Amino acid sequence: MSSQDLSAAESTETEDSGADATTEGTTEADAATAPETPCPVIDSIEQIGSQWRLVVLHELLNGEARFNELKRETDANARTLSRVLDDLQETGFVDRRLEEDSPVATYYSLTAKGESLAPVFEEIDEWAHEWLAECDA
């Protein structure tokens, strides 16, 4: 079920209850400030869930890397990698460090928020080995 489906279902339930929402302490203003998705899992997937974001985050679990190293290891084209790194930096998963000495280099590393995903990747890896074994055959 998509987040749009969940939001539609939630608004249908709210409409069905009618005036009950205000008597339960929820006003229309509260509803307007409520998160669009009812589930933090959906919000999380929206931040880290693209293929390239996952690949870059997984690669940076090995430690700090230069742009060209990430490009080579992930097989991403330069434009895609640049966009993904900007997105991950903006959302607080990745730090960028510019080394201005010759040769000039840009290094990327995980923030504490990014490093906190390590157990998630381990669990996904374990799940994949158990349930996707037939893909290896």
C-alpha atoms as a PDB file:
ATOM      1  CA  MET A   1       0.000   0.000   0.000  1.00  0.00           C
ATOM      2  CA  SER A   2       1.469   3.351  -1.008  1.00  0.00           C
ATOM      3  CA  SER A   3       1.650   6.380   1.257  1.00  0.00           C
ATOM      4  CA  GLN A   4      -1.030   8.009  -0.932  1.00  0.00           C
ATOM      5  CA  ASP A   5      -3.321   5.013  -0.356  1.00  0.00           C
ATOM      6  CA  LEU A   6      -2.677   5.197   3.381  1.00  0.00           C
ATOM      7  CA  SER A   7      -3.329   8.941   3.418  1.00  0.00           C
ATOM      8  CA  ALA A   8      -6.570   8.469   1.462  1.00  0.00           C
ATOM      9  CA  ALA A   9      -7.709   5.742   3.851  1.00  0.00           C
ATOM     10  CA  GLU A  10      -6.866   7.936   6.819  1.00  0.00           C
ATOM     11  CA  SER A  11      -8.820  10.907   5.427  1.00  0.00           C
ATOM     12  CA  THR A  12     -11.818   8.640   4.680  1.00  0.00           C
ATOM     13  CA  GLU A  13     -11.798   7.486   8.304  1.00  0.00           C
ATOM     14  CA  THR A  14     -11.612  11.110   9.471  1.00  0.00           C
ATOM     15  CA  GLU A  15     -14.534  12.108   7.229  1.00  0.00           C
ATOM     16  CA  ASP A  16     -16.581   9.158   8.504  1.00  0.00           C
ATOM     17  CA  SER A  17     -16.108  10.253  12.099  1.00  0.00           C
ATOM     18  CA  GLY A  18     -17.249  13.800  11.207  1.00  0.00           C
ATOM     19  CA  ALA A  19     -17.552  16.055  14.241  1.00  0.00           C
ATOM     20  CA  ASP A  20     -16.171  13.353  16.544  1.00  0.00           C
ATOM     21  CA  ALA A  21     -12.640  14.503  15.663  1.00  0.00           C
ATOM     22  CA  THR A  22     -13.098  17.866  17.387  1.00  0.00           C
ATOM     23  CA  THR A  23     -14.713  16.277  20.430  1.00  0.00           C
ATOM     24  CA  GLU A  24     -11.752  13.935  20.818  1.00  0.00           C
ATOM     25  CA  GLY A  25      -9.404  16.903  21.112  1.00  0.00           C
ATOM     26  CA  THR A  26      -8.306  17.015  17.481  1.00  0.00           C
ATOM     27  CA  THR A  27      -9.048  20.206  15.593  1.00  0.00           C
ATOM     28  CA  GLU A  28      -8.811  20.916  11.888  1.00  0.00           C
ATOM     29  CA  ALA A  29      -5.608  22.884  12.568  1.00  0.00           C
ATOM     30  CA  ASP A  30      -4.095  19.805  14.259  1.00  0.00           C
ATOM     31  CA  ALA A  31      -5.022  17.673  11.264  1.00  0.00           C
ATOM     32  CA  ALA A  32      -3.325  20.150   8.923  1.00  0.00           C
ATOM     33  CA  THR A  33      -0.037  19.863  10.854  1.00  0.00           C
ATOM     34  CA  ALA A  34      -0.150  16.060  11.161  1.00  0.00           C
ATOM     35  CA  PRO A  35       2.427  14.134   9.130  1.00  0.00           C
ATOM     36  CA  GLU A  36       1.301  13.149   5.638  1.00  0.00           C
ATOM     37  CA  THR A  37       2.211   9.508   6.195  1.00  0.00           C
ATOM     38  CA  PRO A  38       0.900   7.543   9.136  1.00  0.00           C
ATOM     39  CA  CYS A  39       3.958   5.319   9.387  1.00  0.00           C
ATOM     40  CA  PRO A  40       7.574   6.186  10.212  1.00  0.00           C
ATOM     41  CA  VAL A  41       8.709   3.258   8.045  1.00  0.00           C
ATOM     42  CA  ILE A  42       7.380   5.030   4.958  1.00  0.00           C
ATOM     43  CA  ASP A  43       9.092   8.277   5.979  1.00  0.00           C
ATOM     44  CA  SER A  44      12.368   6.386   6.498  1.00  0.00           C
ATOM     45  CA  ILE A  45      12.194   4.650   3.147  1.00  0.00           C
ATOM     46  CA  GLU A  46      11.579   7.985   1.437  1.00  0.00           C
ATOM     47  CA  GLN A  47      14.896   9.275   2.886  1.00  0.00           C
ATOM     48  CA  ILE A  48      17.103   6.254   2.184  1.00  0.00           C
ATOM     49  CA  GLY A  49      15.083   4.107  -0.169  1.00  0.00           C
ATOM     50  CA  SER A  50      16.405   4.871  -3.620  1.00  0.00           C
ATOM     51  CA  GLN A  51      18.725   2.317  -5.173  1.00  0.00           C
ATOM     52  CA  TRP A  52      21.617   4.758  -5.461  1.00  0.00           C
ATOM     53  CA  ARG A  53      21.245   6.142  -1.946  1.00  0.00           C
ATOM     54  CA  LEU A  54      21.401   2.625  -0.527  1.00  0.00           C
ATOM     55  CA  VAL A  55      24.422   1.720  -2.653  1.00  0.00           C
ATOM     56  CA  VAL A  56      26.326   4.855  -1.600  1.00  0.00           C
ATOM     57  CA  LEU A  57      25.407   4.484   2.077  1.00  0.00           C
ATOM     58  CA  HIS A  58      26.468   0.833   2.008  1.00  0.00           C
ATOM     59  CA  GLU A  59      29.782   1.698   0.349  1.00  0.00           C
ATOM     60  CA  LEU A  60      30.518   4.460   2.875  1.00  0.00           C
ATOM     61  CA  LEU A  61      30.130   1.941   5.707  1.00  0.00           C
ATOM     62  CA  ASN A  62      33.675   0.920   4.679  1.00  0.00           C
ATOM     63  CA  GLY A  63      34.938   4.396   5.607  1.00  0.00           C
ATOM     64  CA  GLU A  64      35.675   7.767   4.057  1.00  0.00           C
ATOM     65  CA  ALA A  65      35.979   7.783   0.268  1.00  0.00           C
ATOM     66  CA  ARG A  66      36.795  10.223  -2.506  1.00  0.00           C
ATOM     67  CA  PHE A  67      34.227  11.014  -5.177  1.00  0.00           C
ATOM     68  CA  ASN A  68      36.034   9.028  -7.884  1.00  0.00           C
ATOM     69  CA  GLU A  69      36.428   6.042  -5.551  1.00  0.00           C
ATOM     70  CA  LEU A  70      32.683   6.060  -4.918  1.00  0.00           C
ATOM     71  CA  LYS A  71      32.020   6.420  -8.633  1.00  0.00           C
ATOM     72  CA  ARG A  72      34.216   3.408  -9.407  1.00  0.00           C
ATOM     73  CA  GLU A  73      32.838   1.242  -6.562  1.00  0.00           C
ATOM     74  CA  THR A  74      29.154   1.999  -7.196  1.00  0.00           C
ATOM     75  CA  ASP A  75      29.206   2.136 -11.024  1.00  0.00           C
ATOM     76  CA  ALA A  76      27.118   5.299 -10.831  1.00  0.00           C
ATOM     77  CA  ASN A  77      27.628   7.999 -13.414  1.00  0.00           C
ATOM     78  CA  ALA A  78      29.064  11.287 -12.143  1.00  0.00           C
ATOM     79  CA  ARG A  79      25.793  13.212 -12.375  1.00  0.00           C
ATOM     80  CA  THR A  80      23.799  10.596 -10.467  1.00  0.00           C
ATOM     81  CA  LEU A  81      26.470  10.197  -7.800  1.00  0.00           C
ATOM     82  CA  SER A  82      26.777  13.951  -7.333  1.00  0.00           C
ATOM     83  CA  ARG A  83      22.997  14.311  -6.932  1.00  0.00           C
ATOM     84  CA  VAL A  84      22.795  11.380  -4.488  1.00  0.00           C
ATOM     85  CA  LEU A  85      25.683  12.686  -2.369  1.00  0.00           C
ATOM     86  CA  ASP A  86      24.073  16.146  -2.254  1.00  0.00           C
ATOM     87  CA  ASP A  87      20.765  14.580  -1.157  1.00  0.00           C
ATOM     88  CA  LEU A  88      22.449  12.447   1.510  1.00  0.00           C
ATOM     89  CA  GLN A  89      24.390  15.440   2.786  1.00  0.00           C
ATOM     90  CA  GLU A  90      21.213  17.554   2.905  1.00  0.00           C
ATOM     91  CA  THR A  91      19.361  14.878   4.897  1.00  0.00           C
ATOM     92  CA  GLY A  92      22.259  14.501   7.345  1.00  0.00           C
ATOM     93  CA  PHE A  93      23.526  11.029   6.409  1.00  0.00           C
ATOM     94  CA  VAL A  94      26.815  12.099   4.802  1.00  0.00           C
ATOM     95  CA  ASP A  95      29.537  14.652   5.553  1.00  0.00           C
ATOM     96  CA  ARG A  96      31.615  16.277   2.824  1.00  0.00           C
ATOM     97  CA  ARG A  97      35.222  17.315   3.409  1.00  0.00           C
ATOM     98  CA  LEU A  98      37.234  19.343   0.916  1.00  0.00           C
ATOM     99  CA  GLU A  99      41.001  18.809   0.925  1.00  0.00           C
ATOM    100  CA  GLU A 100      42.428  21.959  -0.639  1.00  0.00           C
ATOM    101  CA  ASP A 101      46.067  20.850  -0.733  1.00  0.00           C
ATOM    102  CA  SER A 102      47.380  19.696  -4.062  1.00  0.00           C
ATOM    103  CA  PRO A 103      45.743  17.639  -5.460  1.00  0.00           C
ATOM    104  CA  VAL A 104      42.371  19.052  -4.489  1.00  0.00           C
ATOM    105  CA  ALA A 105      40.038  16.256  -3.398  1.00  0.00           C
ATOM    106  CA  THR A 106      36.567  15.891  -1.957  1.00  0.00           C
ATOM    107  CA  TYR A 107      36.006  13.191   0.652  1.00  0.00           C
ATOM    108  CA  TYR A 108      32.698  11.776   1.826  1.00  0.00           C
ATOM    109  CA  SER A 109      31.975   9.950   5.063  1.00  0.00           C
ATOM    110  CA  LEU A 110      28.957   8.888   7.074  1.00  0.00           C
ATOM    111  CA  THR A 111      27.645  11.026   9.901  1.00  0.00           C
ATOM    112  CA  ALA A 112      26.482   9.403  13.134  1.00  0.00           C
ATOM    113  CA  LYS A 113      23.020   9.249  11.551  1.00  0.00           C
ATOM    114  CA  GLY A 114      24.457   7.439   8.524  1.00  0.00           C
ATOM    115  CA  GLU A 115      26.542   5.075  10.654  1.00  0.00           C
ATOM    116  CA  SER A 116      23.438   4.166  12.645  1.00  0.00           C
ATOM    117  CA  LEU A 117      22.202   2.346   9.517  1.00  0.00           C
ATOM    118  CA  ALA A 118      24.943  -0.325   9.799  1.00  0.00           C
ATOM    119  CA  PRO A 119      22.736  -2.763  11.784  1.00  0.00           C
ATOM    120  CA  VAL A 120      19.932  -2.224   9.254  1.00  0.00           C
ATOM    121  CA  PHE A 121      22.221  -3.243   6.391  1.00  0.00           C
ATOM    122  CA  GLU A 122      23.374  -6.282   8.396  1.00  0.00           C
ATOM    123  CA  GLU A 123      19.761  -7.365   8.946  1.00  0.00           C
ATOM    124  CA  ILE A 124      18.902  -6.889   5.265  1.00  0.00           C
ATOM    125  CA  ASP A 125      21.979  -8.922   4.329  1.00  0.00           C
ATOM    126  CA  GLU A 126      20.954 -11.753   6.677  1.00  0.00           C
ATOM    127  CA  TRP A 127      17.390 -11.666   5.363  1.00  0.00           C
ATOM    128  CA  ALA A 128      18.633 -11.761   1.752  1.00  0.00           C
ATOM    129  CA  HIS A 129      20.850 -14.786   2.434  1.00  0.00           C
ATOM    130  CA  GLU A 130      17.925 -16.624   3.982  1.00  0.00           C
ATOM    131  CA  TRP A 131      15.098 -15.679   1.652  1.00  0.00           C
ATOM    132  CA  LEU A 132      16.765 -14.844  -1.653  1.00  0.00           C
ATOM    133  CA  ALA A 133      18.980 -17.921  -1.827  1.00  0.00           C
ATOM    134  CA  GLU A 134      17.082 -19.190  -4.850  1.00  0.00           C
ATOM    135  CA  CYS A 135      18.299 -16.122  -6.750  1.00  0.00           C
ATOM    136  CA  ASP A 136      21.886 -17.374  -6.366  1.00  0.00           C
ATOM    137  CA  ALA A 137      21.074 -20.825  -7.761  1.00  0.00           C
END
